Amino acid sequence: MLSGKNNGSSHTSTISEGVQIEGKIHFSGPVLIEGKVLGDIISQETLTIGRSGDVRSNIKTKNIVISGKLEGDLVASGLVEITSTGRFSGNLSQEDAMLKIERGGIFSGKSIIKEKEDSSFHTDRKVIKIAAN
């Protein structure tokens, strides 16, 4: 079951245990996955993979908490947390090194830290096309 829980100003969508979803999924708010997801996930908020969650996806998210299984590549702009029951197999790409692994948690893959671009070095550029005669 896909449901939403409204706790004041925050709204959490839940993919319940026993549910399997395949395809590309977009979330604008927080989400909790307790079921199985196969496919790409884009989340603008915190994505939580619960203990019974089994996710085989490439994910782009702000923050993620992994308490279940994740297989696939992950791009995160915020905190990546692997709890003591979490299993992550894949590559992690971040701008900041904000990775937390609790004792017992497993990360198998590469962690890639990208440098932030310094906007002070950029100048406005004009593209001029020159036609050859």
C-alpha atoms as a PDB file:
ATOM      1  CA  MET A   1       0.000   0.000   0.000  1.00  0.00           C
ATOM      2  CA  LEU A   2       1.219   3.481  -0.827  1.00  0.00           C
ATOM      3  CA  SER A   3      -0.047   5.869   1.794  1.00  0.00           C
ATOM      4  CA  GLY A   4       0.574   9.288   3.239  1.00  0.00           C
ATOM      5  CA  LYS A   5       0.777  10.285   6.882  1.00  0.00           C
ATOM      6  CA  ASN A   6       0.233  13.889   7.814  1.00  0.00           C
ATOM      7  CA  ASN A   7       1.995  14.989  10.993  1.00  0.00           C
ATOM      8  CA  GLY A   8       1.414  18.711  11.102  1.00  0.00           C
ATOM      9  CA  SER A   9       3.463  20.335   8.360  1.00  0.00           C
ATOM     10  CA  SER A  10       5.369  17.212   7.257  1.00  0.00           C
ATOM     11  CA  HIS A  11       3.813  14.588   5.003  1.00  0.00           C
ATOM     12  CA  THR A  12       5.450  11.162   4.746  1.00  0.00           C
ATOM     13  CA  SER A  13       4.563   8.765   1.936  1.00  0.00           C
ATOM     14  CA  THR A  14       4.926   5.066   2.761  1.00  0.00           C
ATOM     15  CA  ILE A  15       5.433   2.026   0.557  1.00  0.00           C
ATOM     16  CA  SER A  16       4.322  -0.736   2.907  1.00  0.00           C
ATOM     17  CA  GLU A  17       5.832  -4.164   3.483  1.00  0.00           C
ATOM     18  CA  GLY A  18       4.474  -6.693   0.978  1.00  0.00           C
ATOM     19  CA  VAL A  19       4.152  -4.091  -1.805  1.00  0.00           C
ATOM     20  CA  GLN A  20       6.379  -4.221  -4.902  1.00  0.00           C
ATOM     21  CA  ILE A  21       6.702  -1.232  -7.225  1.00  0.00           C
ATOM     22  CA  GLU A  22       8.594  -1.196 -10.524  1.00  0.00           C
ATOM     23  CA  GLY A  23       9.454   1.881 -12.585  1.00  0.00           C
ATOM     24  CA  LYS A  24      10.667   5.450 -12.131  1.00  0.00           C
ATOM     25  CA  ILE A  25       9.340   7.140  -8.977  1.00  0.00           C
ATOM     26  CA  HIS A  26       9.442  10.828  -7.983  1.00  0.00           C
ATOM     27  CA  PHE A  27       8.762  12.078  -4.435  1.00  0.00           C
ATOM     28  CA  SER A  28       8.559  15.728  -3.414  1.00  0.00           C
ATOM     29  CA  GLY A  29       8.286  14.994   0.324  1.00  0.00           C
ATOM     30  CA  PRO A  30       9.717  12.490   2.785  1.00  0.00           C
ATOM     31  CA  VAL A  31       9.188   8.800   1.993  1.00  0.00           C
ATOM     32  CA  LEU A  32       9.476   5.538   3.913  1.00  0.00           C
ATOM     33  CA  ILE A  33      10.003   2.317   1.949  1.00  0.00           C
ATOM     34  CA  GLU A  34       9.193  -0.921   3.775  1.00  0.00           C
ATOM     35  CA  GLY A  35       8.335  -2.861   0.595  1.00  0.00           C
ATOM     36  CA  LYS A  36      10.274  -3.674  -2.563  1.00  0.00           C
ATOM     37  CA  VAL A  37      11.150  -1.081  -5.224  1.00  0.00           C
ATOM     38  CA  LEU A  38      12.796  -1.817  -8.577  1.00  0.00           C
ATOM     39  CA  GLY A  39      13.636   1.222 -10.698  1.00  0.00           C
ATOM     40  CA  ASP A  40      14.934   4.765 -10.404  1.00  0.00           C
ATOM     41  CA  ILE A  41      13.953   6.979  -7.462  1.00  0.00           C
ATOM     42  CA  ILE A  42      14.178  10.772  -7.292  1.00  0.00           C
ATOM     43  CA  SER A  43      13.388  12.311  -3.919  1.00  0.00           C
ATOM     44  CA  GLN A  44      13.619  15.972  -2.964  1.00  0.00           C
ATOM     45  CA  GLU A  45      13.543  15.258   0.773  1.00  0.00           C
ATOM     46  CA  THR A  46      14.577  12.440   3.109  1.00  0.00           C
ATOM     47  CA  LEU A  47      14.234   8.909   1.801  1.00  0.00           C
ATOM     48  CA  THR A  48      14.117   6.177   4.449  1.00  0.00           C
ATOM     49  CA  ILE A  49      14.536   2.511   3.614  1.00  0.00           C
ATOM     50  CA  GLY A  50      13.037   0.650   6.564  1.00  0.00           C
ATOM     51  CA  ARG A  51      14.254  -2.673   7.972  1.00  0.00           C
ATOM     52  CA  SER A  52      11.982  -4.667   5.644  1.00  0.00           C
ATOM     53  CA  GLY A  53      12.738  -2.410   2.661  1.00  0.00           C
ATOM     54  CA  ASP A  54      14.416  -3.982  -0.378  1.00  0.00           C
ATOM     55  CA  VAL A  55      15.382  -1.370  -2.965  1.00  0.00           C
ATOM     56  CA  ARG A  56      17.167  -2.109  -6.238  1.00  0.00           C
ATOM     57  CA  SER A  57      17.394   1.331  -7.748  1.00  0.00           C
ATOM     58  CA  ASN A  58      19.546   4.207  -8.779  1.00  0.00           C
ATOM     59  CA  ILE A  59      18.605   6.998  -6.384  1.00  0.00           C
ATOM     60  CA  LYS A  60      18.989  10.764  -6.350  1.00  0.00           C
ATOM     61  CA  THR A  61      17.940  12.324  -3.049  1.00  0.00           C
ATOM     62  CA  LYS A  62      18.689  14.965  -0.470  1.00  0.00           C
ATOM     63  CA  ASN A  63      19.108  12.733   2.622  1.00  0.00           C
ATOM     64  CA  ILE A  64      18.793   8.968   3.010  1.00  0.00           C
ATOM     65  CA  VAL A  65      18.548   6.587   5.955  1.00  0.00           C
ATOM     66  CA  ILE A  66      19.214   2.952   5.055  1.00  0.00           C
ATOM     67  CA  SER A  67      17.955   0.381   7.563  1.00  0.00           C
ATOM     68  CA  GLY A  68      17.108  -2.277   4.966  1.00  0.00           C
ATOM     69  CA  LYS A  69      18.746  -3.247   1.664  1.00  0.00           C
ATOM     70  CA  LEU A  70      19.818  -0.942  -1.149  1.00  0.00           C
ATOM     71  CA  GLU A  71      21.471  -2.137  -4.350  1.00  0.00           C
ATOM     72  CA  GLY A  72      22.312   0.562  -6.898  1.00  0.00           C
ATOM     73  CA  ASP A  73      24.045   3.887  -7.283  1.00  0.00           C
ATOM     74  CA  LEU A  74      23.201   6.769  -4.959  1.00  0.00           C
ATOM     75  CA  VAL A  75      23.605  10.520  -5.455  1.00  0.00           C
ATOM     76  CA  ALA A  76      22.910  12.474  -2.259  1.00  0.00           C
ATOM     77  CA  SER A  77      23.182  16.189  -1.562  1.00  0.00           C
ATOM     78  CA  GLY A  78      22.898  15.762   2.213  1.00  0.00           C
ATOM     79  CA  LEU A  79      23.377  13.119   4.887  1.00  0.00           C
ATOM     80  CA  VAL A  80      23.707   9.423   4.047  1.00  0.00           C
ATOM     81  CA  GLU A  81      23.109   7.234   7.090  1.00  0.00           C
ATOM     82  CA  ILE A  82      23.456   3.450   7.160  1.00  0.00           C
ATOM     83  CA  THR A  83      22.011   2.049  10.375  1.00  0.00           C
ATOM     84  CA  SER A  84      23.140  -1.120  12.140  1.00  0.00           C
ATOM     85  CA  THR A  85      20.684  -3.185  10.052  1.00  0.00           C
ATOM     86  CA  GLY A  86      21.382  -1.350   6.777  1.00  0.00           C
ATOM     87  CA  ARG A  87      23.056  -2.892   3.734  1.00  0.00           C
ATOM     88  CA  PHE A  88      24.163  -0.687   0.800  1.00  0.00           C
ATOM     89  CA  SER A  89      25.837  -2.169  -2.257  1.00  0.00           C
ATOM     90  CA  GLY A  90      26.687   0.384  -4.949  1.00  0.00           C
ATOM     91  CA  ASN A  91      28.451   3.676  -5.553  1.00  0.00           C
ATOM     92  CA  LEU A  92      27.846   6.815  -3.503  1.00  0.00           C
ATOM     93  CA  SER A  93      28.357  10.265  -4.995  1.00  0.00           C
ATOM     94  CA  GLN A  94      28.235  13.408  -2.817  1.00  0.00           C
ATOM     95  CA  GLU A  95      29.491  16.991  -2.800  1.00  0.00           C
ATOM     96  CA  ASP A  96      30.110  16.859   0.947  1.00  0.00           C
ATOM     97  CA  ALA A  97      31.459  13.898   2.866  1.00  0.00           C
ATOM     98  CA  MET A  98      28.374  13.364   5.021  1.00  0.00           C
ATOM     99  CA  LEU A  99      28.356   9.582   5.434  1.00  0.00           C
ATOM    100  CA  LYS A 100      27.456   7.936   8.730  1.00  0.00           C
ATOM    101  CA  ILE A 101      27.683   4.153   9.177  1.00  0.00           C
ATOM    102  CA  GLU A 102      26.542   2.648  12.465  1.00  0.00           C
ATOM    103  CA  ARG A 103      28.291  -0.396  13.901  1.00  0.00           C
ATOM    104  CA  GLY A 104      26.952  -3.431  12.015  1.00  0.00           C
ATOM    105  CA  GLY A 105      25.936  -1.419   8.941  1.00  0.00           C
ATOM    106  CA  ILE A 106      27.487  -2.457   5.626  1.00  0.00           C
ATOM    107  CA  PHE A 107      28.598  -0.323   2.663  1.00  0.00           C
ATOM    108  CA  SER A 108      30.096  -2.177  -0.290  1.00  0.00           C
ATOM    109  CA  GLY A 109      31.138   0.105  -3.158  1.00  0.00           C
ATOM    110  CA  LYS A 110      32.887   3.381  -3.922  1.00  0.00           C
ATOM    111  CA  SER A 111      32.382   6.707  -2.203  1.00  0.00           C
ATOM    112  CA  ILE A 112      33.003   9.593  -4.588  1.00  0.00           C
ATOM    113  CA  ILE A 113      33.291  13.116  -3.171  1.00  0.00           C
ATOM    114  CA  LYS A 114      32.811  15.788  -5.817  1.00  0.00           C
ATOM    115  CA  GLU A 115      34.251  19.236  -5.297  1.00  0.00           C
ATOM    116  CA  LYS A 116      31.795  22.091  -5.160  1.00  0.00           C
ATOM    117  CA  GLU A 117      32.164  24.599  -7.938  1.00  0.00           C
ATOM    118  CA  ASP A 118      33.380  27.992  -6.745  1.00  0.00           C
ATOM    119  CA  SER A 119      31.147  30.521  -8.460  1.00  0.00           C
ATOM    120  CA  SER A 120      33.683  33.328  -7.849  1.00  0.00           C
ATOM    121  CA  PHE A 121      35.864  31.901 -10.621  1.00  0.00           C
ATOM    122  CA  HIS A 122      33.112  31.834 -13.233  1.00  0.00           C
ATOM    123  CA  THR A 123      32.604  34.673 -15.657  1.00  0.00           C
ATOM    124  CA  ASP A 124      29.810  35.307 -18.090  1.00  0.00           C
ATOM    125  CA  ARG A 125      30.725  33.819 -21.407  1.00  0.00           C
ATOM    126  CA  LYS A 126      29.359  34.596 -24.813  1.00  0.00           C
ATOM    127  CA  VAL A 127      29.381  32.015 -27.550  1.00  0.00           C
ATOM    128  CA  ILE A 128      30.176  33.367 -30.978  1.00  0.00           C
ATOM    129  CA  LYS A 129      29.624  31.202 -34.010  1.00  0.00           C
ATOM    130  CA  ILE A 130      31.929  31.829 -36.932  1.00  0.00           C
ATOM    131  CA  ALA A 131      30.882  30.586 -40.316  1.00  0.00           C
ATOM    132  CA  ALA A 132      33.639  29.383 -42.616  1.00  0.00           C
ATOM    133  CA  ASN A 133      33.530  30.650 -46.220  1.00  0.00           C
END
